[in-house]
Amino acid sequence: MGTSILLEFVETEREPPSEEKHILAPRAMVHVHIAAPGPCDGYFSSHIAHGVVETVGAVCTFALGRPVELPHMVIPSKPETLPQLDERRTDREILTLARKGTSLDIVSPLAADGGLELFRRVRAALITFDAAVRQDRDSVPCILYVVAAECLTTPYTEWRHSKLTKRFIEFFHELMPTDLDQIVAHGNFEEAFGIRRGARTARALRHELLDRVYDYRSGQLHQGLSPSYQGLGVGFDAANEARRGLFCDFAEATILRYLAAPRVSLIGHPAFE
């Protein structure tokens, strides 16, 4: 990521019985090497490294699709490893971390015009996505996935609270129509969102999907969480599980599409409204 962060992904075999190896993914570990400026190891360089590591962890969670636990502290690299790490940081053979063909390097754009604003938005989206992945109750990650997507639509202006619903719907209509169509075509779409496809157009179905997604987030936040417990004797409610997966797909596609083509919505601007 950029020229100052080197990521080393390591998989280790699990030791429990062999049948568990077919059920659980290999244990993953990420060694993160951060080149922090400073004359020596001290408060200044430590403060920078600790300030970056949470964002890097969220990026790794997004890349792997499962949560990455942060270390309790960041420690300096051993002096004898520094020459090799410096050589690797500038090695053009080592590629940039990506997810589904889209670069997850949110550090390099900081050097470009407007890069800090892009970085803040994507950092917020990734950290929120990371929090969603860790939740047990299905409604909570669904809320957070919508928040992760919505924070990319919100301009850093005084009028950002105007036309929220309209901005949300139009932003994603423009950003990711194909991804929305894939969600509409999913086998669990009607059950998860309570929408009947019928003979309506693709745009009409995308519009209702986005409206339901936004309404779900707002309803849960303003009215509280709904019960979702399903005991073994009651049966399994596939709708909640499917909804969580589809909300995750929505947030992931939003972040990837935004990284590929960043933009700012002017919906709500007083000169246009």
Protein backbone atom coordinates (compact mmCIF):
# COMPACT_ATOMS: atom_id res chain seq x y z
CA MET A 1 0.00 0.00 0.00
CA GLY A 2 1.77 3.09 -1.23
CA THR A 3 5.52 3.18 -0.73
CA SER A 4 5.49 3.08 3.07
CA ILE A 5 3.35 0.03 3.97
CA LEU A 6 4.37 -3.54 3.23
CA LEU A 7 1.91 -6.39 3.87
CA GLU A 8 2.96 -10.02 4.27
CA PHE A 9 0.13 -12.58 4.33
CA VAL A 10 0.83 -15.90 6.03
CA GLU A 11 -1.42 -18.98 6.33
CA THR A 12 -0.88 -21.53 9.08
CA GLU A 13 -2.45 -24.98 9.30
CA ARG A 14 -4.85 -25.65 12.16
CA GLU A 15 -3.89 -28.36 14.59
CA PRO A 16 -7.33 -29.70 15.65
CA PRO A 17 -8.66 -32.95 14.08
CA SER A 18 -8.34 -33.28 10.32
CA GLU A 19 -12.09 -33.03 9.66
CA GLU A 20 -12.05 -29.44 10.98
CA LYS A 21 -9.56 -28.50 8.28
CA HIS A 22 -12.28 -29.00 5.72
CA ILE A 23 -14.74 -26.80 7.66
CA LEU A 24 -12.59 -23.90 8.79
CA ALA A 25 -10.43 -21.70 6.60
CA PRO A 26 -6.69 -21.71 7.37
CA ARG A 27 -5.68 -19.32 10.11
CA ALA A 28 -4.42 -16.12 8.49
CA MET A 29 -1.83 -13.73 9.82
CA VAL A 30 -0.71 -10.43 8.32
CA HIS A 31 2.68 -8.96 9.11
CA VAL A 32 2.41 -5.21 8.58
CA HIS A 33 5.59 -3.21 8.14
CA ILE A 34 5.11 0.57 8.31
CA ALA A 35 7.94 2.90 7.33
CA ALA A 36 7.32 5.72 9.80
CA PRO A 37 9.45 8.89 9.43
CA GLY A 38 11.71 9.88 12.26
CA PRO A 39 15.42 9.91 13.18
CA CYS A 40 14.99 6.85 15.42
CA ASP A 41 12.38 4.76 17.17
CA GLY A 42 10.51 7.08 19.50
CA TYR A 43 7.21 8.73 20.33
CA PHE A 44 6.87 10.46 16.95
CA SER A 45 7.35 7.34 14.79
CA SER A 46 5.33 5.18 17.22
CA HIS A 47 2.43 7.65 17.12
CA ILE A 48 2.38 7.51 13.31
CA ALA A 49 2.53 3.70 13.19
CA HIS A 50 -0.23 3.24 15.76
CA GLY A 51 -2.38 5.78 13.91
CA VAL A 52 -2.10 3.84 10.65
CA VAL A 53 -2.45 0.25 11.83
CA GLU A 54 -6.24 0.30 12.43
CA THR A 55 -6.87 1.49 8.88
CA VAL A 56 -4.51 -1.14 7.49
CA GLY A 57 -6.31 -3.79 9.55
CA ALA A 58 -9.66 -2.71 8.10
CA VAL A 59 -8.22 -2.91 4.57
CA CYS A 60 -6.97 -6.44 5.29
CA THR A 61 -10.40 -7.45 6.66
CA PHE A 62 -12.00 -6.16 3.45
CA ALA A 63 -9.43 -7.98 1.31
CA LEU A 64 -9.80 -11.30 3.14
CA GLY A 65 -13.55 -11.18 3.78
CA ARG A 66 -13.03 -12.04 7.46
CA PRO A 67 -12.02 -9.94 10.45
CA VAL A 68 -8.36 -9.35 11.24
CA GLU A 69 -7.54 -8.82 14.91
CA LEU A 70 -5.32 -5.86 15.72
CA PRO A 71 -2.19 -6.26 17.86
CA HIS A 72 -2.11 -4.82 21.36
CA MET A 73 0.83 -2.63 20.36
CA VAL A 74 3.07 -1.90 17.40
CA ILE A 75 6.73 -2.74 17.92
CA PRO A 76 9.80 -1.55 15.97
CA SER A 77 11.24 -3.90 13.36
CA LYS A 78 14.54 -5.55 14.17
CA PRO A 79 17.44 -3.46 12.84
CA GLU A 80 18.84 -6.39 10.84
CA THR A 81 15.58 -6.70 8.85
CA LEU A 82 15.38 -3.03 7.81
CA PRO A 83 17.56 -3.26 4.65
CA GLN A 84 15.47 -6.16 3.31
CA LEU A 85 12.19 -4.39 4.16
CA ASP A 86 13.34 -1.18 2.45
CA GLU A 87 14.28 -3.17 -0.64
CA ARG A 88 10.88 -4.85 -0.69
CA ARG A 89 9.00 -1.55 -0.28
CA THR A 90 10.44 -0.31 -3.59
CA ASP A 91 10.35 -3.66 -5.40
CA ARG A 92 8.14 -3.27 -8.49
CA GLU A 93 7.63 -7.05 -8.62
CA ILE A 94 5.53 -6.87 -5.43
CA LEU A 95 2.04 -5.89 -6.51
CA THR A 96 -0.49 -3.63 -4.81
CA LEU A 97 -3.10 -5.28 -2.58
CA ALA A 98 -6.39 -5.63 -4.46
CA ARG A 99 -9.89 -7.07 -4.12
CA LYS A 100 -11.65 -8.38 -7.24
CA GLY A 101 -9.22 -6.56 -9.48
CA THR A 102 -9.56 -3.17 -7.74
CA SER A 103 -6.61 -1.65 -5.91
CA LEU A 104 -7.06 -1.21 -2.16
CA ASP A 105 -4.20 1.27 -1.92
CA ILE A 106 -5.91 4.24 -0.30
CA VAL A 107 -2.59 5.77 0.77
CA SER A 108 -1.05 6.76 -2.57
CA PRO A 109 -3.94 9.09 -3.60
CA LEU A 110 -3.06 11.31 -0.61
CA ALA A 111 -0.45 12.93 -2.86
CA ALA A 112 -3.09 13.94 -5.45
CA ASP A 113 -5.48 16.88 -5.43
CA GLY A 114 -8.51 16.01 -3.33
CA GLY A 115 -6.81 12.86 -2.14
CA LEU A 116 -7.25 13.60 1.55
CA GLU A 117 -11.03 13.84 1.16
CA LEU A 118 -11.11 10.54 -0.74
CA PHE A 119 -8.92 8.93 1.92
CA ARG A 120 -11.18 10.07 4.76
CA ARG A 121 -14.30 8.74 3.05
CA VAL A 122 -12.85 5.37 2.14
CA ARG A 123 -11.18 4.98 5.54
CA ALA A 124 -14.54 5.55 7.23
CA ALA A 125 -16.22 3.06 4.89
CA LEU A 126 -13.58 0.37 5.47
CA ILE A 127 -13.53 0.75 9.26
CA THR A 128 -17.34 0.58 9.31
CA PHE A 129 -17.27 -2.47 7.04
CA ASP A 130 -14.74 -4.08 9.39
CA ALA A 131 -17.07 -3.45 12.36
CA ALA A 132 -19.99 -4.98 10.44
CA VAL A 133 -18.12 -8.21 9.71
CA ARG A 134 -17.54 -8.74 13.45
CA GLN A 135 -21.21 -8.52 14.55
CA ASP A 136 -23.30 -11.51 15.69
CA ARG A 137 -26.85 -10.13 15.51
CA ASP A 138 -27.77 -9.98 11.82
CA SER A 139 -29.56 -6.62 11.92
CA VAL A 140 -26.50 -4.79 13.29
CA PRO A 141 -24.14 -5.62 10.41
CA CYS A 142 -26.91 -4.77 7.93
CA ILE A 143 -27.12 -1.29 9.46
CA LEU A 144 -23.35 -0.89 9.40
CA TYR A 145 -23.06 -2.08 5.80
CA VAL A 146 -25.49 0.66 4.76
CA VAL A 147 -23.54 3.22 6.81
CA ALA A 148 -20.30 2.07 5.14
CA ALA A 149 -21.88 2.68 1.74
CA GLU A 150 -23.66 5.92 2.65
CA CYS A 151 -20.58 7.64 4.06
CA LEU A 152 -19.16 7.63 0.52
CA THR A 153 -22.14 9.67 -0.69
CA THR A 154 -21.98 12.39 1.95
CA PRO A 155 -20.25 15.65 0.96
CA TYR A 156 -18.21 17.48 3.60
CA THR A 157 -20.43 20.58 3.43
CA GLU A 158 -23.01 22.45 5.47
CA TRP A 159 -25.80 21.26 3.15
CA ARG A 160 -24.94 17.57 3.52
CA HIS A 161 -28.16 16.93 5.52
CA SER A 162 -30.42 18.03 2.65
CA LYS A 163 -32.12 15.52 0.30
CA LEU A 164 -30.54 12.51 2.03
CA THR A 165 -32.83 9.84 0.58
CA LYS A 166 -32.73 11.28 -2.93
CA ARG A 167 -28.93 11.54 -2.82
CA PHE A 168 -28.62 7.97 -1.56
CA ILE A 169 -30.79 6.51 -4.33
CA GLU A 170 -29.42 8.56 -7.22
CA PHE A 171 -25.79 8.09 -6.14
CA PHE A 172 -25.99 4.29 -6.36
CA HIS A 173 -28.14 4.31 -9.49
CA GLU A 174 -25.22 6.05 -11.18
CA LEU A 175 -22.32 4.31 -9.42
CA MET A 176 -23.22 0.61 -9.64
CA PRO A 177 -26.32 -0.30 -11.69
CA THR A 178 -24.90 -3.69 -12.72
CA ASP A 179 -24.16 -4.66 -9.10
CA LEU A 180 -27.68 -3.67 -8.07
CA ASP A 181 -29.11 -5.77 -10.91
CA GLN A 182 -27.12 -8.75 -9.61
CA ILE A 183 -28.66 -8.32 -6.16
CA VAL A 184 -32.14 -8.09 -7.73
CA ALA A 185 -31.44 -11.31 -9.65
CA HIS A 186 -30.35 -13.19 -6.49
CA GLY A 187 -32.51 -16.14 -5.57
CA ASN A 188 -33.23 -14.77 -2.09
CA PHE A 189 -33.93 -11.20 -3.22
CA GLU A 190 -37.73 -11.24 -2.91
CA GLU A 191 -37.73 -12.94 0.50
CA ALA A 192 -34.91 -10.80 1.93
CA PHE A 193 -36.34 -7.43 0.87
CA GLY A 194 -40.06 -8.16 0.56
CA ILE A 195 -40.09 -7.02 -3.09
CA ARG A 196 -41.85 -8.81 -5.96
CA ARG A 197 -40.05 -8.47 -9.27
CA GLY A 198 -43.15 -8.84 -11.46
CA ALA A 199 -42.79 -7.25 -14.89
CA ARG A 200 -41.20 -4.01 -13.72
CA THR A 201 -38.16 -2.44 -15.37
CA ALA A 202 -34.65 -2.92 -14.04
CA ARG A 203 -34.45 0.74 -13.00
CA ALA A 204 -37.74 0.51 -11.08
CA LEU A 205 -36.48 -2.55 -9.20
CA ARG A 206 -33.16 -0.87 -8.44
CA HIS A 207 -35.02 2.17 -7.13
CA GLU A 208 -37.22 0.10 -4.83
CA LEU A 209 -34.23 -1.94 -3.64
CA LEU A 210 -32.32 1.21 -2.69
CA ASP A 211 -35.41 2.63 -1.02
CA ARG A 212 -35.82 -0.55 1.06
CA VAL A 213 -32.12 -0.60 1.97
CA TYR A 214 -32.23 3.00 3.18
CA ASP A 215 -35.52 2.46 4.98
CA TYR A 216 -34.15 -0.65 6.72
CA ARG A 217 -31.20 1.30 8.10
CA SER A 218 -33.37 4.24 9.19
CA GLY A 219 -36.06 2.03 10.73
CA GLN A 220 -33.61 0.04 12.84
CA LEU A 221 -31.79 3.16 14.04
CA HIS A 222 -34.92 5.15 14.92
CA GLN A 223 -37.09 2.34 16.27
CA GLY A 224 -34.54 -0.06 17.72
CA LEU A 225 -33.49 -3.56 16.73
CA SER A 226 -36.00 -6.29 15.94
CA PRO A 227 -35.74 -9.72 17.61
CA SER A 228 -34.06 -12.33 15.45
CA TYR A 229 -33.46 -15.35 17.70
CA GLN A 230 -34.14 -18.72 16.08
CA GLY A 231 -33.80 -21.74 18.37
CA LEU A 232 -33.09 -25.21 17.06
CA GLY A 233 -36.63 -26.31 17.80
CA VAL A 234 -38.17 -23.43 15.87
CA GLY A 235 -36.37 -23.79 12.57
CA PHE A 236 -34.06 -21.63 10.55
CA ASP A 237 -35.04 -18.26 9.10
CA ALA A 238 -33.07 -18.01 5.86
CA ALA A 239 -34.29 -14.46 5.16
CA ASN A 240 -32.14 -12.85 7.89
CA GLU A 241 -29.01 -14.73 6.81
CA ALA A 242 -29.63 -13.96 3.13
CA ARG A 243 -30.31 -10.30 3.90
CA ARG A 244 -27.02 -9.99 5.75
CA GLY A 245 -25.14 -11.49 2.82
CA LEU A 246 -26.86 -9.21 0.29
CA PHE A 247 -26.20 -6.10 2.39
CA CYS A 248 -22.55 -7.17 2.56
CA ASP A 249 -22.46 -7.56 -1.23
CA PHE A 250 -23.98 -4.08 -1.55
CA ALA A 251 -21.37 -2.45 0.71
CA GLU A 252 -18.46 -4.31 -0.86
CA ALA A 253 -19.52 -3.36 -4.39
CA THR A 254 -20.00 0.26 -3.30
CA ILE A 255 -16.46 0.53 -1.91
CA LEU A 256 -14.87 -1.14 -4.94
CA ARG A 257 -16.82 0.94 -7.47
CA TYR A 258 -16.05 4.13 -5.57
CA LEU A 259 -12.32 3.32 -5.43
CA ALA A 260 -12.37 2.74 -9.18
CA ALA A 261 -14.24 6.00 -9.88
CA PRO A 262 -14.43 8.45 -6.94
CA ARG A 263 -17.11 11.15 -7.09
CA VAL A 264 -19.03 13.68 -5.01
CA SER A 265 -22.81 14.12 -5.21
CA LEU A 266 -24.23 17.62 -5.59
CA ILE A 267 -27.76 16.54 -4.68
CA GLY A 268 -28.86 18.81 -1.83
CA HIS A 269 -26.70 21.73 -2.95
CA PRO A 270 -28.82 24.89 -2.53
CA ALA A 271 -27.81 26.14 -6.00
CA PHE A 272 -29.35 23.02 -7.60
CA GLU A 273 -32.27 22.35 -5.27
